[in-house]
Each structure stands twice: as structure tokens, then as C-alpha cells.
Amino acid sequence: MHSDFLLRLRRIIPTKAPPSPTTTTTTTTTTTATTTTTTTTTTTTT
């Protein structure tokens, strides 16, 4: 389940770096019956 999330996250993040430096922040919140997980990934491409 966690590995599947990483695969989806990799698809969201561009594989090719843009000409200009950019910072991409992705925040994903997953809520289940008893657990709330918040994952924040910050990727800086120069």
C-alpha cells in the first residue's frame, strides 16, 4: 500500500526538470476509520 503511494507520487512529479528552478510541494491526507495520515513531500529541482 505504501509502495503504491510512492509509485503514484512519482507519476505526479515531473521526470524532466524545467529550464528554471522550481519547488513542488505535494500534500496528501489519507483518512481511514481509525487512522489519519498526512504526508508532505517537498521536491526542489534546480
PDB file of N, CA and C in Angstrom:
ATOM      1  N   MET A   1       0.845  -1.202   0.000  1.00  0.00           N
ATOM      2  CA  MET A   1       0.000   0.000   0.000  1.00  0.00           C
ATOM      3  C   MET A   1       0.880   1.252   0.000  1.00  0.00           C
ATOM      4  N   HIS A   2       1.928   1.209   0.834  1.00  0.00           N
ATOM      5  CA  HIS A   2       2.824   2.366   0.903  1.00  0.00           C
ATOM      6  C   HIS A   2       3.640   2.499  -0.382  1.00  0.00           C
ATOM      7  N   SER A   3       4.055   1.355  -0.907  1.00  0.00           N
ATOM      8  CA  SER A   3       4.838   1.390  -2.144  1.00  0.00           C
ATOM      9  C   SER A   3       3.979   1.886  -3.301  1.00  0.00           C
ATOM     10  N   ASP A   4       2.693   1.549  -3.275  1.00  0.00           N
ATOM     11  CA  ASP A   4       1.769   2.000  -4.320  1.00  0.00           C
ATOM     12  C   ASP A   4       1.627   3.518  -4.263  1.00  0.00           C
ATOM     13  N   PHE A   5       1.646   4.073  -3.071  1.00  0.00           N
ATOM     14  CA  PHE A   5       1.558   5.527  -2.903  1.00  0.00           C
ATOM     15  C   PHE A   5       2.785   6.204  -3.504  1.00  0.00           C
ATOM     16  N   LEU A   6       3.947   5.596  -3.316  1.00  0.00           N
ATOM     17  CA  LEU A   6       5.182   6.161  -3.862  1.00  0.00           C
ATOM     18  C   LEU A   6       5.154   6.141  -5.379  1.00  0.00           C
ATOM     19  N   LEU A   7       4.586   5.092  -5.947  1.00  0.00           N
ATOM     20  CA  LEU A   7       4.505   5.000  -7.396  1.00  0.00           C
ATOM     21  C   LEU A   7       3.602   6.093  -7.943  1.00  0.00           C
ATOM     22  N   ARG A   8       2.504   6.353  -7.275  1.00  0.00           N
ATOM     23  CA  ARG A   8       1.594   7.401  -7.715  1.00  0.00           C
ATOM     24  C   ARG A   8       2.238   8.777  -7.552  1.00  0.00           C
ATOM     25  N   LEU A   9       3.002   8.936  -6.481  1.00  0.00           N
ATOM     26  CA  LEU A   9       3.653  10.217  -6.223  1.00  0.00           C
ATOM     27  C   LEU A   9       4.708  10.496  -7.291  1.00  0.00           C
ATOM     28  N   ARG A  10       5.408   9.442  -7.706  1.00  0.00           N
ATOM     29  CA  ARG A  10       6.431   9.609  -8.741  1.00  0.00           C
ATOM     30  C   ARG A  10       5.793  10.020 -10.067  1.00  0.00           C
ATOM     31  N   ARG A  11       4.576   9.565 -10.296  1.00  0.00           N
ATOM     32  CA  ARG A  11       3.886   9.928 -11.530  1.00  0.00           C
ATOM     33  C   ARG A  11       3.479  11.401 -11.503  1.00  0.00           C
ATOM     34  N   ILE A  12       3.185  11.922 -10.317  1.00  0.00           N
ATOM     35  CA  ILE A  12       2.774  13.319 -10.181  1.00  0.00           C
ATOM     36  C   ILE A  12       3.966  14.244 -10.411  1.00  0.00           C
ATOM     37  N   ILE A  13       5.127  13.853  -9.876  1.00  0.00           N
ATOM     38  CA  ILE A  13       6.326  14.680 -10.007  1.00  0.00           C
ATOM     39  C   ILE A  13       6.909  14.512 -11.412  1.00  0.00           C
ATOM     40  N   PRO A  14       7.127  15.616 -12.109  1.00  0.00           N
ATOM     41  CA  PRO A  14       7.696  15.570 -13.462  1.00  0.00           C
ATOM     42  C   PRO A  14       9.068  14.891 -13.462  1.00  0.00           C
ATOM     43  N   THR A  15       9.301  14.035 -14.461  1.00  0.00           N
ATOM     44  CA  THR A  15      10.578  13.333 -14.538  1.00  0.00           C
ATOM     45  C   THR A  15      11.647  14.243 -15.124  1.00  0.00           C
ATOM     46  N   LYS A  16      11.244  15.157 -16.005  1.00  0.00           N
ATOM     47  CA  LYS A  16      12.200  16.076 -16.609  1.00  0.00           C
ATOM     48  C   LYS A  16      12.173  17.409 -15.868  1.00  0.00           C
ATOM     49  N   ALA A  17      13.355  17.924 -15.594  1.00  0.00           N
ATOM     50  CA  ALA A  17      13.439  19.184 -14.860  1.00  0.00           C
ATOM     51  C   ALA A  17      13.182  20.364 -15.793  1.00  0.00           C
ATOM     52  N   PRO A  18      12.350  21.297 -15.381  1.00  0.00           N
ATOM     53  CA  PRO A  18      12.070  22.505 -16.167  1.00  0.00           C
ATOM     54  C   PRO A  18      13.326  23.365 -16.302  1.00  0.00           C
ATOM     55  N   PRO A  19      13.355  24.261 -17.279  1.00  0.00           N
ATOM     56  CA  PRO A  19      14.501  25.140 -17.506  1.00  0.00           C
ATOM     57  C   PRO A  19      14.829  25.994 -16.279  1.00  0.00           C
ATOM     58  N   SER A  20      13.803  26.387 -15.546  1.00  0.00           N
ATOM     59  CA  SER A  20      14.023  27.228 -14.380  1.00  0.00           C
ATOM     60  C   SER A  20      13.829  26.416 -13.095  1.00  0.00           C
ATOM     61  N   PRO A  21      14.562  26.784 -12.033  1.00  0.00           N
ATOM     62  CA  PRO A  21      14.432  26.103 -10.738  1.00  0.00           C
ATOM     63  C   PRO A  21      13.007  26.200 -10.207  1.00  0.00           C
ATOM     64  N   THR A  22      12.472  25.079  -9.789  1.00  0.00           N
ATOM     65  CA  THR A  22      11.112  25.073  -9.282  1.00  0.00           C
ATOM     66  C   THR A  22      11.016  24.258  -8.004  1.00  0.00           C
ATOM     67  N   THR A  23      10.029  24.571  -7.200  1.00  0.00           N
ATOM     68  CA  THR A  23       9.802  23.821  -5.971  1.00  0.00           C
ATOM     69  C   THR A  23       8.379  23.271  -5.989  1.00  0.00           C
ATOM     70  N   THR A  24       8.292  21.952  -5.895  1.00  0.00           N
ATOM     71  CA  THR A  24       6.977  21.322  -5.937  1.00  0.00           C
ATOM     72  C   THR A  24       6.659  20.721  -4.579  1.00  0.00           C
ATOM     73  N   THR A  25       5.530  21.117  -4.018  1.00  0.00           N
ATOM     74  CA  THR A  25       5.121  20.580  -2.729  1.00  0.00           C
ATOM     75  C   THR A  25       3.803  19.833  -2.876  1.00  0.00           C
ATOM     76  N   THR A  26       3.822  18.576  -2.489  1.00  0.00           N
ATOM     77  CA  THR A  26       2.625  17.764  -2.599  1.00  0.00           C
ATOM     78  C   THR A  26       2.195  17.305  -1.209  1.00  0.00           C
ATOM     79  N   THR A  27       0.964  17.636  -0.855  1.00  0.00           N
ATOM     80  CA  THR A  27       0.453  17.223   0.447  1.00  0.00           C
ATOM     81  C   THR A  27      -0.720  16.276   0.260  1.00  0.00           C
ATOM     82  N   THR A  28      -0.582  15.097   0.808  1.00  0.00           N
ATOM     83  CA  THR A  28      -1.643  14.106   0.676  1.00  0.00           C
ATOM     84  C   THR A  28      -2.138  13.694   2.056  1.00  0.00           C
ATOM     85  N   THR A  29      -3.446  13.782   2.235  1.00  0.00           N
ATOM     86  CA  THR A  29      -4.023  13.397   3.521  1.00  0.00           C
ATOM     87  C   THR A  29      -4.934  12.188   3.327  1.00  0.00           C
ATOM     88  N   THR A  30      -4.620  11.125   4.030  1.00  0.00           N
ATOM     89  CA  THR A  30      -5.419   9.905   3.929  1.00  0.00           C
ATOM     90  C   THR A  30      -6.109   9.645   5.263  1.00  0.00           C
ATOM     91  N   THR A  31      -7.428   9.556   5.219  1.00  0.00           N
ATOM     92  CA  THR A  31      -8.185   9.331   6.441  1.00  0.00           C
ATOM     93  C   THR A  31      -8.865   7.964   6.396  1.00  0.00           C
ATOM     94  N   THR A  32      -8.626   7.154   7.408  1.00  0.00           N
ATOM     95  CA  THR A  32      -9.267   5.850   7.493  1.00  0.00           C
ATOM     96  C   THR A  32     -10.185   5.837   8.708  1.00  0.00           C
ATOM     97  N   ALA A  33     -10.724   4.673   9.021  1.00  0.00           N
ATOM     98  CA  ALA A  33     -11.688   4.572  10.111  1.00  0.00           C
ATOM     99  C   ALA A  33     -11.078   5.004  11.442  1.00  0.00           C
ATOM    100  N   THR A  34      -9.810   4.689  11.641  1.00  0.00           N
ATOM    101  CA  THR A  34      -9.195   4.994  12.928  1.00  0.00           C
ATOM    102  C   THR A  34      -7.871   5.731  12.812  1.00  0.00           C
ATOM    103  N   THR A  35      -7.372   5.866  11.600  1.00  0.00           N
ATOM    104  CA  THR A  35      -6.047   6.471  11.439  1.00  0.00           C
ATOM    105  C   THR A  35      -6.078   7.615  10.444  1.00  0.00           C
ATOM    106  N   THR A  36      -5.412   8.693  10.783  1.00  0.00           N
ATOM    107  CA  THR A  36      -5.285   9.824   9.862  1.00  0.00           C
ATOM    108  C   THR A  36      -3.806  10.062   9.586  1.00  0.00           C
ATOM    109  N   THR A  37      -3.432   9.901   8.328  1.00  0.00           N
ATOM    110  CA  THR A  37      -2.032  10.046   7.965  1.00  0.00           C
ATOM    111  C   THR A  37      -1.848  11.215   7.012  1.00  0.00           C
ATOM    112  N   THR A  38      -0.942  12.106   7.358  1.00  0.00           N
ATOM    113  CA  THR A  38      -0.655  13.247   6.495  1.00  0.00           C
ATOM    114  C   THR A  38       0.788  13.169   6.024  1.00  0.00           C
ATOM    115  N   THR A  39       0.950  13.103   4.712  1.00  0.00           N
ATOM    116  CA  THR A  39       2.282  13.002   4.144  1.00  0.00           C
ATOM    117  C   THR A  39       2.581  14.220   3.299  1.00  0.00           C
ATOM    118  N   THR A  40       3.672  14.898   3.619  1.00  0.00           N
ATOM    119  CA  THR A  40       4.069  16.076   2.854  1.00  0.00           C
ATOM    120  C   THR A  40       5.429  15.838   2.216  1.00  0.00           C
ATOM    121  N   THR A  41       5.446  15.945   0.892  1.00  0.00           N
ATOM    122  CA  THR A  41       6.692  15.728   0.172  1.00  0.00           C
ATOM    123  C   THR A  41       7.083  16.994  -0.565  1.00  0.00           C
ATOM    124  N   THR A  42       8.291  17.475  -0.303  1.00  0.00           N
ATOM    125  CA  THR A  42       8.768  18.677  -0.976  1.00  0.00           C
ATOM    126  C   THR A  42       9.964  18.332  -1.852  1.00  0.00           C
ATOM    127  N   THR A  43       9.818  18.593  -3.142  1.00  0.00           N
ATOM    128  CA  THR A  43      10.889  18.296  -4.077  1.00  0.00           C
ATOM    129  C   THR A  43      11.386  19.581  -4.715  1.00  0.00           C
ATOM    130  N   THR A  44      12.684  19.827  -4.599  1.00  0.00           N
ATOM    131  CA  THR A  44      13.264  21.031  -5.198  1.00  0.00           C
ATOM    132  C   THR A  44      14.158  20.646  -6.364  1.00  0.00           C
ATOM    133  N   THR A  45      13.814  21.149  -7.543  1.00  0.00           N
ATOM    134  CA  THR A  45      14.604  20.849  -8.736  1.00  0.00           C
ATOM    135  C   THR A  45      15.311  22.107  -9.210  1.00  0.00           C
ATOM    136  N   THR A  46      16.628  21.992  -9.377  1.00  0.00           N
ATOM    137  CA  THR A  46      17.385  23.154  -9.838  1.00  0.00           C
ATOM    138  C   THR A  46      17.948  22.904 -11.228  1.00  0.00           C
TER     139      THR A  46
END
